[in-house]
Amino acid sequence: MFTYIKESIEELRNNVTVPPKEKSSNLMIIVAVFSILFALATWGVDSLFSKLIKLYFDNIIN
């Protein structure tokens, strides 16, 4: 376990680079936009399935 932690810290120090602030801001905006679009798409599909299930069960009962 200690070896794993030591190697992880070493890899972070040697192999990981932090992008400049401007690039990070641009990437953050892209991630936010796609997250909102994905959330809207999920909401839309959920609403559609909800209406279809309600319609299906209303037709079975009546």
Protein backbone atom coordinates (compact mmCIF):
# COMPACT_ATOMS: atom_id res chain seq x y z
CA MET A 1 0.00 0.00 0.00
CA PHE A 2 2.79 2.43 0.88
CA THR A 3 4.56 1.61 -2.37
CA TYR A 4 1.41 2.41 -4.32
CA ILE A 5 1.01 5.77 -2.56
CA LYS A 6 4.69 6.60 -3.06
CA GLU A 7 4.53 5.72 -6.77
CA SER A 8 1.33 7.72 -7.20
CA ILE A 9 2.90 10.82 -5.67
CA GLU A 10 6.00 10.35 -7.79
CA GLU A 11 3.90 10.06 -10.95
CA LEU A 12 1.96 13.20 -10.05
CA ARG A 13 5.21 15.12 -9.59
CA ASN A 14 6.87 13.90 -12.79
CA ASN A 15 4.16 13.12 -15.35
CA VAL A 16 1.16 15.35 -14.63
CA THR A 17 1.08 18.88 -16.00
CA VAL A 18 -1.44 21.55 -15.13
CA PRO A 19 -2.76 23.44 -18.16
CA PRO A 20 -2.64 27.24 -18.19
CA LYS A 21 -5.52 29.13 -16.57
CA GLU A 22 -6.95 30.28 -19.92
CA LYS A 23 -7.11 26.73 -21.30
CA SER A 24 -8.61 25.46 -18.02
CA SER A 25 -11.34 28.10 -18.21
CA ASN A 26 -12.17 27.15 -21.79
CA LEU A 27 -12.31 23.46 -20.92
CA MET A 28 -14.50 24.20 -17.90
CA ILE A 29 -17.00 26.04 -20.12
CA ILE A 30 -17.06 23.16 -22.60
CA VAL A 31 -17.67 20.64 -19.81
CA ALA A 32 -20.43 22.82 -18.32
CA VAL A 33 -22.21 23.18 -21.68
CA PHE A 34 -22.08 19.47 -22.45
CA SER A 35 -23.23 18.64 -18.91
CA ILE A 36 -26.25 20.90 -19.31
CA LEU A 37 -27.03 19.44 -22.74
CA PHE A 38 -26.73 15.89 -21.41
CA ALA A 39 -28.96 16.74 -18.44
CA LEU A 40 -31.59 18.21 -20.77
CA ALA A 41 -31.44 15.17 -23.04
CA THR A 42 -31.82 12.85 -20.04
CA TRP A 43 -34.77 14.91 -18.77
CA GLY A 44 -36.39 14.78 -22.21
CA VAL A 45 -36.06 11.00 -22.53
CA ASP A 46 -37.30 10.54 -18.96
CA SER A 47 -40.34 12.74 -19.64
CA LEU A 48 -41.09 10.87 -22.85
CA PHE A 49 -40.89 7.46 -21.17
CA SER A 50 -43.00 8.72 -18.28
CA LYS A 51 -45.75 9.86 -20.66
CA LEU A 52 -45.58 6.62 -22.65
CA ILE A 53 -45.88 4.51 -19.50
CA LYS A 54 -48.77 6.64 -18.23
CA LEU A 55 -50.52 6.32 -21.61
CA TYR A 56 -49.95 2.55 -21.64
CA PHE A 57 -51.37 2.00 -18.16
CA ASP A 58 -54.29 4.37 -18.76
CA ASN A 59 -55.25 2.29 -21.81
CA ILE A 60 -54.97 -1.00 -19.88
CA ILE A 61 -57.15 0.22 -17.02
CA ASN A 62 -59.84 1.77 -19.24
